[in-house]
Amino acid sequence: MRGLCLIAACAAVLIAGAAAAQNRGPPSLAPAQPYKAVAITPPQPMNDDGFDAMRKQVGEAAQKKDRAAMARLVVARGFFWQREGRNAANKRKSGFDNLSAALGLDNKEGAGWEILFGYAEDPSVSPSPRHNGALCAPADPAFDAKELDALIKATKTDATEWGYPVSDGIEVHATPQANAPTIEKLGLYFVRIVPEAASVPASYMRIATPSGRTGYVSIDSIAPIGNDQICYVKDGGAWKIGGYVGGGEPQ
């Protein structure tokens, strides 16, 4: 399963994006309507002992906020920072300095180290479409893009309003509480994120299921598509962090 810190951070962005999308038009707090379920196939873990060992080292360094140890796990040269359609990496700086800028590791109030730890927990990767040999995590699930586009158009929503369960059988609760009655269990398909005016605990999000019912799920149980990714490459025969997709302001 993906790292909980990473999923929670991505889900928080997803909720904010869904809220922003809904704020651009009339409030959509009316009862949810049923919609077609678009199936997903969860990303598969990479089976490579060297890769797993590297992820363990990254996780340990992230937990300790050990900059020296982390720097040894990032390529010294050739680090890429893909954002807004271009490589924003500063070629005059080290790979670790660029990674630090992308994640805000120097920001004491930020969650950069927690996010990095979350990446390290995720064993799923997919090939980078822009950088040959780079594998990026978290990998998106497999799905029919045309079906998702049709769903977005049919529901008059935005792509930021949709996410998918990280596993089959996620329980949907009547209220944002772990002991609340379960009204439905999710299958492996996209679900709509439905922000509401009332205050909801930070650990839960409100969703609408394909059946048209609304309820609450744990924030770390739903992941967005197209989220930021950390990328790995082989460097001198060893796996290292070689790039980042997304992130903050370039330095």
Protein backbone atom coordinates (compact mmCIF):
# COMPACT_ATOMS: atom_id res chain seq x y z
CA MET A 1 0.00 0.00 0.00
CA ARG A 2 1.18 3.49 -0.70
CA GLY A 3 2.79 5.52 2.08
CA LEU A 4 0.09 6.97 4.33
CA CYS A 5 1.88 10.33 4.69
CA LEU A 6 2.04 10.67 0.91
CA ILE A 7 -1.56 9.60 0.34
CA ALA A 8 -2.83 11.99 3.01
CA ALA A 9 -0.86 14.87 1.53
CA CYS A 10 -2.06 14.09 -2.01
CA ALA A 11 -5.63 13.63 -0.81
CA ALA A 12 -5.54 17.01 0.91
CA VAL A 13 -4.50 18.58 -2.39
CA LEU A 14 -7.26 16.64 -4.13
CA ILE A 15 -9.87 18.00 -1.69
CA ALA A 16 -8.60 21.53 -2.14
CA GLY A 17 -8.68 21.13 -5.92
CA ALA A 18 -12.21 19.75 -5.85
CA ALA A 19 -13.36 22.60 -3.63
CA ALA A 20 -11.76 25.16 -5.93
CA ALA A 21 -13.40 23.55 -8.96
CA GLN A 22 -16.80 23.68 -7.29
CA ASN A 23 -16.29 27.27 -6.16
CA ARG A 24 -15.94 28.31 -9.79
CA GLY A 25 -19.64 27.55 -10.27
CA PRO A 26 -22.83 27.21 -8.23
CA PRO A 27 -22.49 25.26 -4.96
CA SER A 28 -22.89 21.53 -5.65
CA LEU A 29 -24.05 20.37 -2.25
CA ALA A 30 -27.30 19.01 -3.66
CA PRO A 31 -27.89 15.26 -3.35
CA ALA A 32 -25.40 13.33 -5.47
CA GLN A 33 -26.59 11.61 -8.64
CA PRO A 34 -25.57 8.10 -9.74
CA TYR A 35 -22.81 7.92 -12.33
CA LYS A 36 -21.08 5.26 -14.42
CA ALA A 37 -18.29 3.42 -12.63
CA VAL A 38 -14.99 3.68 -14.50
CA ALA A 39 -12.78 0.76 -13.47
CA ILE A 40 -9.13 1.06 -12.45
CA THR A 41 -6.38 -1.52 -12.13
CA PRO A 42 -4.16 -0.67 -9.15
CA PRO A 43 -0.45 -0.03 -9.83
CA GLN A 44 1.77 -3.02 -9.20
CA PRO A 45 4.87 -3.05 -6.97
CA MET A 46 8.32 -3.32 -8.49
CA ASN A 47 10.12 -6.53 -7.53
CA ASP A 48 13.79 -5.59 -7.26
CA ASP A 49 15.89 -6.19 -4.15
CA GLY A 50 18.25 -3.31 -4.91
CA PHE A 51 15.33 -0.96 -5.43
CA ASP A 52 13.72 -2.04 -2.16
CA ALA A 53 16.99 -1.54 -0.28
CA MET A 54 17.35 1.96 -1.69
CA ARG A 55 13.79 2.86 -0.69
CA LYS A 56 14.51 1.65 2.84
CA GLN A 57 17.58 3.89 3.03
CA VAL A 58 15.59 6.86 1.73
CA GLY A 59 12.89 6.25 4.32
CA GLU A 60 15.40 6.04 7.17
CA ALA A 61 17.18 9.22 6.07
CA ALA A 62 13.84 11.04 5.70
CA GLN A 63 12.71 10.03 9.18
CA LYS A 64 15.93 11.39 10.66
CA LYS A 65 15.98 14.41 8.32
CA ASP A 66 19.55 13.36 7.60
CA ARG A 67 20.65 15.63 4.75
CA ALA A 68 24.07 14.02 4.32
CA ALA A 69 22.62 10.51 4.06
CA MET A 70 19.91 11.68 1.68
CA ALA A 71 22.42 13.50 -0.52
CA ARG A 72 24.23 10.18 -1.09
CA LEU A 73 20.96 8.70 -2.37
CA VAL A 74 20.42 11.39 -5.02
CA VAL A 75 22.32 11.60 -8.31
CA ALA A 76 25.07 14.21 -8.22
CA ARG A 77 24.52 15.21 -11.85
CA GLY A 78 21.65 15.04 -14.31
CA PHE A 79 18.84 15.53 -11.79
CA PHE A 80 15.66 16.68 -13.54
CA TRP A 81 12.77 18.66 -12.10
CA GLN A 82 9.83 18.45 -14.45
CA ARG A 83 7.23 21.15 -13.81
CA GLU A 84 4.95 23.15 -16.07
CA GLY A 85 6.25 21.38 -19.17
CA ARG A 86 9.94 22.13 -18.66
CA ASN A 87 12.99 21.03 -16.71
CA ALA A 88 13.24 23.53 -13.84
CA ALA A 89 16.33 21.97 -12.24
CA ASN A 90 19.19 24.37 -11.59
CA LYS A 91 22.19 22.81 -13.36
CA ARG A 92 24.56 24.78 -11.14
CA LYS A 93 23.22 23.03 -8.04
CA SER A 94 23.51 19.45 -6.84
CA GLY A 95 20.79 16.89 -7.29
CA PHE A 96 20.00 16.99 -3.58
CA ASP A 97 19.74 20.80 -3.60
CA ASN A 98 17.22 20.59 -6.44
CA LEU A 99 15.25 17.87 -4.64
CA SER A 100 15.31 19.98 -1.49
CA ALA A 101 13.90 22.94 -3.41
CA ALA A 102 11.18 20.82 -5.03
CA LEU A 103 9.99 19.40 -1.71
CA GLY A 104 10.76 22.40 0.51
CA LEU A 105 13.07 20.41 2.78
CA ASP A 106 14.53 23.64 4.16
CA ASN A 107 11.09 24.85 5.25
CA LYS A 108 10.76 23.96 8.94
CA GLU A 109 6.98 24.41 8.77
CA GLY A 110 6.60 22.25 5.67
CA ALA A 111 5.91 18.55 5.29
CA GLY A 112 8.68 17.87 2.77
CA TRP A 113 10.48 15.22 4.80
CA GLU A 114 7.19 13.44 5.59
CA ILE A 115 6.28 13.47 1.91
CA LEU A 116 9.70 12.07 1.03
CA PHE A 117 9.19 9.30 3.60
CA GLY A 118 5.82 8.56 2.02
CA TYR A 119 7.41 8.23 -1.41
CA ALA A 120 9.96 5.80 0.03
CA GLU A 121 7.15 3.55 1.30
CA ASP A 122 5.57 3.25 -2.15
CA PRO A 123 6.83 0.24 -4.16
CA SER A 124 4.86 1.11 -7.32
CA VAL A 125 6.60 2.80 -10.24
CA SER A 126 5.90 3.58 -13.88
CA PRO A 127 8.28 4.63 -16.69
CA SER A 128 8.75 8.36 -17.19
CA PRO A 129 7.40 9.44 -20.60
CA ARG A 130 10.04 12.17 -20.83
CA HIS A 131 13.19 10.66 -19.30
CA ASN A 132 14.51 7.38 -20.66
CA GLY A 133 15.32 4.85 -17.95
CA ALA A 134 13.63 6.80 -15.14
CA LEU A 135 10.92 5.10 -13.07
CA CYS A 136 8.54 7.35 -11.16
CA ALA A 137 6.39 6.84 -8.07
CA PRO A 138 3.63 6.73 -7.16
CA ALA A 139 2.45 5.04 -10.33
CA ASP A 140 -1.03 5.87 -11.54
CA PRO A 141 -3.48 2.98 -11.98
CA ALA A 142 -4.39 1.64 -15.40
CA PHE A 143 -7.74 2.88 -16.71
CA ASP A 144 -9.57 3.82 -19.89
CA ALA A 145 -8.83 7.53 -20.40
CA LYS A 146 -11.72 7.94 -22.83
CA GLU A 147 -14.17 6.51 -20.28
CA LEU A 148 -12.90 8.88 -17.59
CA ASP A 149 -13.15 11.88 -19.95
CA ALA A 150 -16.72 10.86 -20.79
CA LEU A 151 -17.53 10.56 -17.08
CA ILE A 152 -16.16 14.03 -16.34
CA LYS A 153 -18.20 15.51 -19.18
CA ALA A 154 -21.37 13.64 -18.22
CA THR A 155 -21.17 14.82 -14.60
CA LYS A 156 -20.02 18.36 -15.54
CA THR A 157 -17.13 18.06 -13.12
CA ASP A 158 -13.40 18.70 -13.13
CA ALA A 159 -10.62 16.10 -13.12
CA THR A 160 -9.51 17.38 -9.71
CA GLU A 161 -12.82 16.18 -8.25
CA TRP A 162 -12.00 12.51 -8.84
CA GLY A 163 -9.84 9.99 -7.03
CA TYR A 164 -9.58 6.23 -6.68
CA PRO A 165 -9.43 3.77 -3.74
CA VAL A 166 -5.96 2.49 -2.88
CA SER A 167 -7.46 -0.96 -2.26
CA ASP A 168 -10.65 -2.89 -2.86
CA GLY A 169 -13.43 -2.88 -0.25
CA ILE A 170 -12.83 0.56 1.34
CA GLU A 171 -15.68 1.21 3.79
CA VAL A 172 -17.86 4.28 3.29
CA HIS A 173 -19.26 5.56 6.59
CA ALA A 174 -22.46 7.50 7.22
CA THR A 175 -20.57 10.10 9.26
CA PRO A 176 -16.85 11.00 9.49
CA GLN A 177 -16.14 8.56 12.31
CA ALA A 178 -14.47 5.15 12.32
CA ASN A 179 -17.32 3.60 14.34
CA ALA A 180 -20.08 5.09 12.18
CA PRO A 181 -22.31 2.67 10.23
CA THR A 182 -20.91 1.43 6.92
CA ILE A 183 -23.29 2.39 4.11
CA GLU A 184 -21.31 0.91 1.24
CA LYS A 185 -17.97 -0.60 0.26
CA LEU A 186 -16.00 0.74 -2.68
CA GLY A 187 -14.81 -1.31 -5.59
CA LEU A 188 -11.83 -0.52 -7.82
CA TYR A 189 -13.26 2.45 -9.71
CA PHE A 190 -13.10 6.25 -9.67
CA VAL A 191 -15.11 8.07 -7.03
CA ARG A 192 -16.13 11.70 -6.82
CA ILE A 193 -14.83 13.91 -4.01
CA VAL A 194 -17.61 16.12 -2.64
CA PRO A 195 -16.50 18.95 -0.29
CA GLU A 196 -19.18 20.32 1.99
CA ALA A 197 -19.76 23.47 3.98
CA ALA A 198 -19.76 21.73 7.36
CA SER A 199 -16.49 21.15 9.17
CA VAL A 200 -15.13 17.63 8.64
CA PRO A 201 -12.22 16.09 10.59
CA ALA A 202 -8.95 16.37 8.66
CA SER A 203 -8.64 12.58 8.62
CA TYR A 204 -11.83 12.11 6.55
CA MET A 205 -13.22 13.19 3.20
CA ARG A 206 -16.74 13.16 1.79
CA ILE A 207 -17.33 11.22 -1.42
CA ALA A 208 -20.17 10.29 -3.75
CA THR A 209 -20.27 6.68 -4.95
CA PRO A 210 -21.45 5.49 -8.39
CA SER A 211 -24.75 4.45 -6.76
CA GLY A 212 -25.42 8.10 -5.89
CA ARG A 213 -24.89 7.72 -2.14
CA THR A 214 -22.66 10.08 -0.17
CA GLY A 215 -20.56 9.19 2.81
CA TYR A 216 -17.13 9.48 4.37
CA VAL A 217 -13.86 7.61 3.95
CA SER A 218 -10.44 7.90 5.55
CA ILE A 219 -8.38 10.54 3.75
CA ASP A 220 -5.53 8.09 3.22
CA SER A 221 -7.77 5.61 1.41
CA ILE A 222 -8.30 7.73 -1.72
CA ALA A 223 -5.52 8.80 -4.09
CA PRO A 224 -5.61 11.38 -6.90
CA ILE A 225 -4.40 10.80 -10.44
CA GLY A 226 -1.63 12.85 -11.99
CA ASN A 227 -0.08 13.71 -8.62
CA ASP A 228 3.53 14.73 -8.06
CA GLN A 229 6.10 11.96 -8.45
CA ILE A 230 9.62 11.16 -7.36
CA CYS A 231 11.74 9.43 -10.00
CA TYR A 232 14.52 6.87 -9.69
CA VAL A 233 17.36 6.01 -12.07
CA LYS A 234 20.29 3.60 -12.14
CA ASP A 235 23.49 5.51 -11.35
CA GLY A 236 26.77 3.58 -11.30
CA GLY A 237 24.82 0.34 -11.03
CA ALA A 238 22.81 1.50 -7.99
CA TRP A 239 19.33 2.92 -7.72
CA LYS A 240 19.18 6.60 -6.77
CA ILE A 241 16.70 9.47 -6.81
CA GLY A 242 17.15 11.04 -10.22
CA GLY A 243 14.32 13.52 -10.60
CA TYR A 244 11.03 15.00 -9.51
CA VAL A 245 7.77 15.78 -11.28
CA GLY A 246 5.79 18.71 -9.83
CA GLY A 247 6.78 20.55 -6.69
CA GLY A 248 7.25 24.15 -5.65
CA GLU A 249 8.90 27.18 -7.15
CA PRO A 250 12.15 26.64 -9.04
CA GLN A 251 15.21 28.22 -7.46
